[in-house]
Amino acid sequence: NIGVNTGVLPTKGLTLPFLSFGGSSVVVSCIAAA
């Protein structure tokens, strides 16, 4: 995600874990932390 935002990598459509808007991403990231 950082690489996509800075132009180092091509656009992938991946969220930034814990930060980006998106229910599935946030919930799964919280489960991973747990």
Full PDB file with SEQRES, HELIX, SHEET, SSBOND, CRYST1, ORIGX, SCALE, CONECT and MASTER records, all heavy atoms in Angstrom:
SEQRES   1 A   34  ASN ILE GLY VAL ASN THR GLY VAL LEU PRO THR LYS GLY          
SEQRES   2 A   34  LEU THR LEU PRO PHE LEU SER PHE GLY GLY SER SER VAL          
SEQRES   3 A   34  VAL VAL SER CYS ILE ALA ALA ALA                              
HELIX    1 AA1 ILE A    2  THR A    6  1                                   5    
HELIX    2 AA2 GLY A   23  ALA A   33  1                                  11    
CRYST1    1.000    1.000    1.000  90.00  90.00  90.00 P 1           1          
ORIGX1      1.000000  0.000000  0.000000        0.00000                         
ORIGX2      0.000000  1.000000  0.000000        0.00000                         
ORIGX3      0.000000  0.000000  1.000000        0.00000                         
SCALE1      1.000000  0.000000  0.000000        0.00000                         
SCALE2      0.000000  1.000000  0.000000        0.00000                         
SCALE3      0.000000  0.000000  1.000000        0.00000                         
ATOM      1  N   ASN A   1       0.825  -1.214   0.000  1.00  0.00           N  
ATOM      2  CA  ASN A   1       0.000   0.000   0.000  1.00  0.00           C  
ATOM      3  C   ASN A   1       0.859   1.265   0.000  1.00  0.00           C  
ATOM      4  O   ASN A   1       0.590   2.215  -0.752  1.00  0.00           O  
ATOM      5  CB  ASN A   1      -0.940  -0.007   1.201  1.00  0.00           C  
ATOM      6  CG  ASN A   1      -1.866   1.203   1.225  1.00  0.00           C  
ATOM      7  OD1 ASN A   1      -1.501   2.267   1.724  1.00  0.00           O  
ATOM      8  ND2 ASN A   1      -3.050   1.053   0.677  1.00  0.00           N  
ATOM      9  N   ILE A   2       1.896   1.267   0.826  1.00  0.00           N  
ATOM     10  CA  ILE A   2       2.812   2.415   0.877  1.00  0.00           C  
ATOM     11  C   ILE A   2       3.520   2.579  -0.470  1.00  0.00           C  
ATOM     12  O   ILE A   2       3.666   3.698  -0.981  1.00  0.00           O  
ATOM     13  CB  ILE A   2       3.830   2.250   2.023  1.00  0.00           C  
ATOM     14  CG1 ILE A   2       3.114   2.314   3.374  1.00  0.00           C  
ATOM     15  CG2 ILE A   2       4.918   3.321   1.960  1.00  0.00           C  
ATOM     16  CD1 ILE A   2       3.965   1.880   4.559  1.00  0.00           C  
ATOM     17  N   GLY A   3       3.946   1.458  -1.075  1.00  0.00           N  
ATOM     18  CA  GLY A   3       4.602   1.504  -2.376  1.00  0.00           C  
ATOM     19  C   GLY A   3       3.691   2.034  -3.468  1.00  0.00           C  
ATOM     20  O   GLY A   3       4.123   2.814  -4.328  1.00  0.00           O  
ATOM     21  N   VAL A   4       2.418   1.638  -3.437  1.00  0.00           N  
ATOM     22  CA  VAL A   4       1.441   2.132  -4.415  1.00  0.00           C  
ATOM     23  C   VAL A   4       1.243   3.637  -4.260  1.00  0.00           C  
ATOM     24  O   VAL A   4       1.211   4.384  -5.242  1.00  0.00           O  
ATOM     25  CB  VAL A   4       0.098   1.388  -4.254  1.00  0.00           C  
ATOM     26  CG1 VAL A   4      -1.016   2.096  -5.018  1.00  0.00           C  
ATOM     27  CG2 VAL A   4       0.228  -0.057  -4.726  1.00  0.00           C  
ATOM     28  N   ASN A   5       1.099   4.099  -3.021  1.00  0.00           N  
ATOM     29  CA  ASN A   5       0.864   5.516  -2.765  1.00  0.00           C  
ATOM     30  C   ASN A   5       2.044   6.387  -3.181  1.00  0.00           C  
ATOM     31  O   ASN A   5       1.870   7.534  -3.584  1.00  0.00           O  
ATOM     32  CB  ASN A   5       0.558   5.753  -1.289  1.00  0.00           C  
ATOM     33  CG  ASN A   5      -0.898   5.542  -0.941  1.00  0.00           C  
ATOM     34  OD1 ASN A   5      -1.654   6.483  -0.749  1.00  0.00           O  
ATOM     35  ND2 ASN A   5      -1.313   4.285  -0.866  1.00  0.00           N  
ATOM     36  N   THR A   6       3.248   5.841  -3.067  1.00  0.00           N  
ATOM     37  CA  THR A   6       4.448   6.623  -3.389  1.00  0.00           C  
ATOM     38  C   THR A   6       4.932   6.404  -4.820  1.00  0.00           C  
ATOM     39  O   THR A   6       5.934   6.983  -5.220  1.00  0.00           O  
ATOM     40  CB  THR A   6       5.586   6.271  -2.413  1.00  0.00           C  
ATOM     41  OG1 THR A   6       5.812   4.850  -2.439  1.00  0.00           O  
ATOM     42  CG2 THR A   6       5.254   6.697  -0.994  1.00  0.00           C  
ATOM     43  N   GLY A   7       4.240   5.558  -5.584  1.00  0.00           N  
ATOM     44  CA  GLY A   7       4.607   5.336  -6.973  1.00  0.00           C  
ATOM     45  C   GLY A   7       5.717   4.337  -7.180  1.00  0.00           C  
ATOM     46  O   GLY A   7       6.262   4.231  -8.278  1.00  0.00           O  
ATOM     47  N   VAL A   8       6.048   3.568  -6.135  1.00  0.00           N  
ATOM     48  CA  VAL A   8       7.100   2.556  -6.254  1.00  0.00           C  
ATOM     49  C   VAL A   8       6.546   1.256  -6.831  1.00  0.00           C  
ATOM     50  O   VAL A   8       7.265   0.482  -7.462  1.00  0.00           O  
ATOM     51  CB  VAL A   8       7.750   2.303  -4.872  1.00  0.00           C  
ATOM     52  CG1 VAL A   8       8.801   1.215  -4.939  1.00  0.00           C  
ATOM     53  CG2 VAL A   8       8.366   3.588  -4.338  1.00  0.00           C  
ATOM     54  N   LEU A   9       5.236   1.005  -6.622  1.00  0.00           N  
ATOM     55  CA  LEU A   9       4.589  -0.213  -7.098  1.00  0.00           C  
ATOM     56  C   LEU A   9       3.320   0.146  -7.868  1.00  0.00           C  
ATOM     57  O   LEU A   9       2.717   1.204  -7.620  1.00  0.00           O  
ATOM     58  CB  LEU A   9       4.222  -1.122  -5.905  1.00  0.00           C  
ATOM     59  CG  LEU A   9       5.384  -1.703  -5.089  1.00  0.00           C  
ATOM     60  CD1 LEU A   9       4.858  -2.385  -3.834  1.00  0.00           C  
ATOM     61  CD2 LEU A   9       6.188  -2.684  -5.917  1.00  0.00           C  
ATOM     62  N   PRO A  10       2.881  -0.722  -8.789  1.00  0.00           N  
ATOM     63  CA  PRO A  10       1.632  -0.447  -9.511  1.00  0.00           C  
ATOM     64  C   PRO A  10       0.428  -0.544  -8.600  1.00  0.00           C  
ATOM     65  O   PRO A  10       0.464  -1.216  -7.565  1.00  0.00           O  
ATOM     66  CB  PRO A  10       1.610  -1.545 -10.590  1.00  0.00           C  
ATOM     67  CG  PRO A  10       2.500  -2.622 -10.090  1.00  0.00           C  
ATOM     68  CD  PRO A  10       3.554  -1.943  -9.263  1.00  0.00           C  
ATOM     69  N   THR A  11      -0.652   0.122  -8.969  1.00  0.00           N  
ATOM     70  CA  THR A  11      -1.878   0.139  -8.167  1.00  0.00           C  
ATOM     71  C   THR A  11      -2.404  -1.276  -7.988  1.00  0.00           C  
ATOM     72  O   THR A  11      -2.578  -2.017  -8.958  1.00  0.00           O  
ATOM     73  CB  THR A  11      -2.947   1.006  -8.848  1.00  0.00           C  
ATOM     74  OG1 THR A  11      -2.399   2.297  -9.080  1.00  0.00           O  
ATOM     75  CG2 THR A  11      -4.177   1.131  -7.987  1.00  0.00           C  
ATOM     76  N   LYS A  12      -2.685  -1.636  -6.724  1.00  0.00           N  
ATOM     77  CA  LYS A  12      -3.105  -3.005  -6.409  1.00  0.00           C  
ATOM     78  C   LYS A  12      -4.497  -3.088  -5.800  1.00  0.00           C  
ATOM     79  O   LYS A  12      -5.085  -4.144  -5.719  1.00  0.00           O  
ATOM     80  CB  LYS A  12      -2.116  -3.633  -5.406  1.00  0.00           C  
ATOM     81  CG  LYS A  12      -0.736  -3.919  -5.975  1.00  0.00           C  
ATOM     82  CD  LYS A  12      -0.797  -4.992  -7.011  1.00  0.00           C  
ATOM     83  CE  LYS A  12       0.600  -5.341  -7.522  1.00  0.00           C  
ATOM     84  NZ  LYS A  12       0.551  -6.254  -8.649  1.00  0.00           N  
ATOM     85  N   GLY A  13      -5.044  -1.987  -5.268  1.00  0.00           N  
ATOM     86  CA  GLY A  13      -6.355  -2.043  -4.629  1.00  0.00           C  
ATOM     87  C   GLY A  13      -6.315  -2.660  -3.254  1.00  0.00           C  
ATOM     88  O   GLY A  13      -7.299  -3.239  -2.800  1.00  0.00           O  
ATOM     89  N   LEU A  14      -5.173  -2.549  -2.572  1.00  0.00           N  
ATOM     90  CA  LEU A  14      -5.040  -3.081  -1.218  1.00  0.00           C  
ATOM     91  C   LEU A  14      -5.165  -1.949  -0.199  1.00  0.00           C  
ATOM     92  O   LEU A  14      -4.598  -0.873  -0.385  1.00  0.00           O  
ATOM     93  CB  LEU A  14      -3.691  -3.769  -1.033  1.00  0.00           C  
ATOM     94  CG  LEU A  14      -3.514  -5.145  -1.667  1.00  0.00           C  
ATOM     95  CD1 LEU A  14      -2.074  -5.603  -1.507  1.00  0.00           C  
ATOM     96  CD2 LEU A  14      -4.458  -6.162  -1.056  1.00  0.00           C  
ATOM     97  N   THR A  15      -5.880  -2.219   0.880  1.00  0.00           N  
ATOM     98  CA  THR A  15      -6.026  -1.228   1.939  1.00  0.00           C  
ATOM     99  C   THR A  15      -4.779  -1.201   2.829  1.00  0.00           C  
ATOM    100  O   THR A  15      -3.963  -2.127   2.804  1.00  0.00           O  
ATOM    101  CB  THR A  15      -7.243  -1.547   2.823  1.00  0.00           C  
ATOM    102  OG1 THR A  15      -7.079  -2.866   3.378  1.00  0.00           O  
ATOM    103  CG2 THR A  15      -8.534  -1.487   2.023  1.00  0.00           C  
ATOM    104  N   LEU A  16      -4.658  -0.134   3.610  1.00  0.00           N  
ATOM    105  CA  LEU A  16      -3.619  -0.040   4.622  1.00  0.00           C  
ATOM    106  C   LEU A  16      -4.202  -0.622   5.906  1.00  0.00           C  
ATOM    107  O   LEU A  16      -5.152  -0.065   6.457  1.00  0.00           O  
ATOM    108  CB  LEU A  16      -3.217   1.419   4.829  1.00  0.00           C  
ATOM    109  CG  LEU A  16      -1.946   1.716   5.624  1.00  0.00           C  
ATOM    110  CD1 LEU A  16      -0.729   1.034   5.013  1.00  0.00           C  
ATOM    111  CD2 LEU A  16      -1.706   3.218   5.715  1.00  0.00           C  
ATOM    112  N   PRO A  17      -3.709  -1.776   6.388  1.00  0.00           N  
ATOM    113  CA  PRO A  17      -4.316  -2.444   7.542  1.00  0.00           C  
ATOM    114  C   PRO A  17      -4.500  -1.515   8.735  1.00  0.00           C  
ATOM    115  O   PRO A  17      -3.629  -0.694   9.027  1.00  0.00           O  
ATOM    116  CB  PRO A  17      -3.306  -3.564   7.873  1.00  0.00           C  
ATOM    117  CG  PRO A  17      -2.606  -3.827   6.579  1.00  0.00           C  
ATOM    118  CD  PRO A  17      -2.517  -2.486   5.880  1.00  0.00           C  
ATOM    119  N   PHE A  18      -5.656  -1.656   9.406  1.00  0.00           N  
ATOM    120  CA  PHE A  18      -6.038  -0.898  10.596  1.00  0.00           C  
ATOM    121  C   PHE A  18      -6.432   0.551  10.289  1.00  0.00           C  
ATOM    122  O   PHE A  18      -7.171   1.154  11.058  1.00  0.00           O  
ATOM    123  CB  PHE A  18      -4.925  -0.874  11.653  1.00  0.00           C  
ATOM    124  CG  PHE A  18      -4.551  -2.208  12.198  1.00  0.00           C  
ATOM    125  CD1 PHE A  18      -3.403  -2.860  11.770  1.00  0.00           C  
ATOM    126  CD2 PHE A  18      -5.345  -2.835  13.144  1.00  0.00           C  
ATOM    127  CE1 PHE A  18      -3.055  -4.109  12.276  1.00  0.00           C  
ATOM    128  CE2 PHE A  18      -5.011  -4.078  13.657  1.00  0.00           C  
ATOM    129  CZ  PHE A  18      -3.864  -4.713  13.217  1.00  0.00           C  
ATOM    130  N   LEU A  19      -5.953   1.137   9.192  1.00  0.00           N  
ATOM    131  CA  LEU A  19      -6.168   2.558   8.944  1.00  0.00           C  
ATOM    132  C   LEU A  19      -7.239   2.839   7.900  1.00  0.00           C  
ATOM    133  O   LEU A  19      -8.127   3.662   8.133  1.00  0.00           O  
ATOM    134  CB  LEU A  19      -4.852   3.241   8.522  1.00  0.00           C  
ATOM    135  CG  LEU A  19      -3.907   3.637   9.655  1.00  0.00           C  
ATOM    136  CD1 LEU A  19      -3.045   2.457  10.072  1.00  0.00           C  
ATOM    137  CD2 LEU A  19      -3.013   4.784   9.238  1.00  0.00           C  
ATOM    138  N   SER A  20      -7.168   2.195   6.743  1.00  0.00           N  
ATOM    139  CA  SER A  20      -8.065   2.517   5.637  1.00  0.00           C  
ATOM    140  C   SER A  20      -9.516   2.190   5.968  1.00  0.00           C  
ATOM    141  O   SER A  20      -9.814   1.269   6.732  1.00  0.00           O  
ATOM    142  CB  SER A  20      -7.658   1.744   4.380  1.00  0.00           C  
ATOM    143  OG  SER A  20      -6.395   2.146   3.915  1.00  0.00           O  
ATOM    144  N   PHE A  21     -10.431   2.947   5.340  1.00  0.00           N  
ATOM    145  CA  PHE A  21     -11.861   2.673   5.482  1.00  0.00           C  
ATOM    146  C   PHE A  21     -12.193   1.341   4.824  1.00  0.00           C  
ATOM    147  O   PHE A  21     -11.744   1.058   3.723  1.00  0.00           O  
ATOM    148  CB  PHE A  21     -12.674   3.798   4.830  1.00  0.00           C  
ATOM    149  CG  PHE A  21     -14.158   3.571   4.869  1.00  0.00           C  
ATOM    150  CD1 PHE A  21     -14.884   3.864   6.005  1.00  0.00           C  
ATOM    151  CD2 PHE A  21     -14.822   3.040   3.771  1.00  0.00           C  
ATOM    152  CE1 PHE A  21     -16.258   3.653   6.045  1.00  0.00           C  
ATOM    153  CE2 PHE A  21     -16.188   2.822   3.793  1.00  0.00           C  
ATOM    154  CZ  PHE A  21     -16.907   3.137   4.939  1.00  0.00           C  
ATOM    155  N   GLY A  22     -12.994   0.547   5.481  1.00  0.00           N  
ATOM    156  CA  GLY A  22     -13.394  -0.759   4.945  1.00  0.00           C  
ATOM    157  C   GLY A  22     -13.672  -1.730   6.065  1.00  0.00           C  
ATOM    158  O   GLY A  22     -12.777  -2.043   6.858  1.00  0.00           O  
ATOM    159  N   GLY A  23     -14.913  -2.188   6.164  1.00  0.00           N  
ATOM    160  CA  GLY A  23     -15.307  -3.031   7.287  1.00  0.00           C  
ATOM    161  C   GLY A  23     -14.554  -4.339   7.376  1.00  0.00           C  
ATOM    162  O   GLY A  23     -14.037  -4.711   8.433  1.00  0.00           O  
ATOM    163  N   SER A  24     -14.458  -5.071   6.258  1.00  0.00           N  
ATOM    164  CA  SER A  24     -13.805  -6.378   6.273  1.00  0.00           C  
ATOM    165  C   SER A  24     -12.341  -6.256   6.671  1.00  0.00           C  
ATOM    166  O   SER A  24     -11.832  -7.038   7.482  1.00  0.00           O  
ATOM    167  CB  SER A  24     -13.912  -7.038   4.899  1.00  0.00           C  
ATOM    168  OG  SER A  24     -15.259  -7.222   4.525  1.00  0.00           O  
ATOM    169  N   SER A  25     -11.649  -5.263   6.116  1.00  0.00           N  
ATOM    170  CA  SER A  25     -10.225  -5.070   6.406  1.00  0.00           C  
ATOM    171  C   SER A  25      -9.996  -4.749   7.871  1.00  0.00           C  
ATOM    172  O   SER A  25      -9.111  -5.325   8.514  1.00  0.00           O  
ATOM    173  CB  SER A  25      -9.666  -3.949   5.524  1.00  0.00           C  
ATOM    174  OG  SER A  25      -8.324  -3.667   5.854  1.00  0.00           O  
ATOM    175  N   VAL A  26     -10.793  -3.839   8.419  1.00  0.00           N  
ATOM    176  CA  VAL A  26     -10.629  -3.442   9.822  1.00  0.00           C  
ATOM    177  C   VAL A  26     -10.916  -4.613  10.754  1.00  0.00           C  
ATOM    178  O   VAL A  26     -10.156  -4.881  11.699  1.00  0.00           O  
ATOM    179  CB  VAL A  26     -11.549  -2.247  10.158  1.00  0.00           C  
ATOM    180  CG1 VAL A  26     -11.571  -1.979  11.661  1.00  0.00           C  
ATOM    181  CG2 VAL A  26     -11.079  -0.992   9.428  1.00  0.00           C  
ATOM    182  N   VAL A  27     -12.019  -5.325  10.507  1.00  0.00           N  
ATOM    183  CA  VAL A  27     -12.407  -6.433  11.391  1.00  0.00           C  
ATOM    184  C   VAL A  27     -11.362  -7.547  11.357  1.00  0.00           C  
ATOM    185  O   VAL A  27     -10.944  -8.060  12.406  1.00  0.00           O  
ATOM    186  CB  VAL A  27     -13.796  -6.977  10.991  1.00  0.00           C  
ATOM    187  CG1 VAL A  27     -14.110  -8.261  11.767  1.00  0.00           C  
ATOM    188  CG2 VAL A  27     -14.875  -5.932  11.270  1.00  0.00           C  
ATOM    189  N   VAL A  28     -10.906  -7.919  10.161  1.00  0.00           N  
ATOM    190  CA  VAL A  28      -9.921  -8.993  10.043  1.00  0.00           C  
ATOM    191  C   VAL A  28      -8.591  -8.578  10.662  1.00  0.00           C  
ATOM    192  O   VAL A  28      -7.914  -9.386  11.320  1.00  0.00           O  
ATOM    193  CB  VAL A  28      -9.734  -9.402   8.560  1.00  0.00           C  
ATOM    194  CG1 VAL A  28      -8.572 -10.369   8.409  1.00  0.00           C  
ATOM    195  CG2 VAL A  28     -11.008 -10.035   8.026  1.00  0.00           C  
ATOM    196  N   SER A  29      -8.199  -7.305  10.512  1.00  0.00           N  
ATOM    197  CA  SER A  29      -6.964  -6.812  11.138  1.00  0.00           C  
ATOM    198  C   SER A  29      -7.050  -6.898  12.656  1.00  0.00           C  
ATOM    199  O   SER A  29      -6.076  -7.273  13.327  1.00  0.00           O  
ATOM    200  CB  SER A  29      -6.696  -5.366  10.707  1.00  0.00           C  
ATOM    201  OG  SER A  29      -6.473  -5.273   9.325  1.00  0.00           O  
ATOM    202  N   CYS A  30      -8.219  -6.562  13.212  1.00  0.00           N  
ATOM    203  CA  CYS A  30      -8.414  -6.652  14.668  1.00  0.00           C  
ATOM    204  C   CYS A  30      -8.339  -8.096  15.156  1.00  0.00           C  
ATOM    205  O   CYS A  30      -7.773  -8.373  16.219  1.00  0.00           O  
ATOM    206  CB  CYS A  30      -9.759  -6.036  15.065  1.00  0.00           C  
ATOM    207  SG  CYS A  30      -9.826  -4.236  14.942  1.00  0.00           S  
ATOM    208  N   ILE A  31      -8.905  -9.017  14.376  1.00  0.00           N  
ATOM    209  CA  ILE A  31      -8.826 -10.438  14.743  1.00  0.00           C  
ATOM    210  C   ILE A  31      -7.371 -10.908  14.707  1.00  0.00           C  
ATOM    211  O   ILE A  31      -6.934 -11.666  15.592  1.00  0.00           O  
ATOM    212  CB  ILE A  31      -9.707 -11.288  13.803  1.00  0.00           C  
ATOM    213  CG1 ILE A  31     -11.186 -10.954  14.009  1.00  0.00           C  
ATOM    214  CG2 ILE A  31      -9.471 -12.779  14.044  1.00  0.00           C  
ATOM    215  CD1 ILE A  31     -12.112 -11.623  13.002  1.00  0.00           C  
ATOM    216  N   ALA A  32      -6.617 -10.456  13.714  1.00  0.00           N  
ATOM    217  CA  ALA A  32      -5.199 -10.825  13.620  1.00  0.00           C  
ATOM    218  C   ALA A  32      -4.434 -10.328  14.841  1.00  0.00           C  
ATOM    219  O   ALA A  32      -3.612 -11.057  15.418  1.00  0.00           O  
ATOM    220  CB  ALA A  32      -4.591 -10.245  12.344  1.00  0.00           C  
ATOM    221  N   ALA A  33      -4.701  -9.087  15.261  1.00  0.00           N  
ATOM    222  CA  ALA A  33      -4.047  -8.539  16.456  1.00  0.00           C  
ATOM    223  C   ALA A  33      -4.436  -9.333  17.696  1.00  0.00           C  
ATOM    224  O   ALA A  33      -3.600  -9.595  18.576  1.00  0.00           O  
ATOM    225  CB  ALA A  33      -4.421  -7.068  16.628  1.00  0.00           C  
ATOM    226  N   ALA A  34      -5.709  -9.751  17.769  1.00  0.00           N  
ATOM    227  CA  ALA A  34      -6.174 -10.544  18.912  1.00  0.00           C  
ATOM    228  C   ALA A  34      -5.478 -11.905  18.964  1.00  0.00           C  
ATOM    229  O   ALA A  34      -5.149 -12.409  20.049  1.00  0.00           O  
ATOM    230  CB  ALA A  34      -7.690 -10.732  18.829  1.00  0.00           C  
TER     231      ALA A  34                                                      
MASTER        0    0    0    2    0    0    0    6  230    1    0    3          
END                                                                             
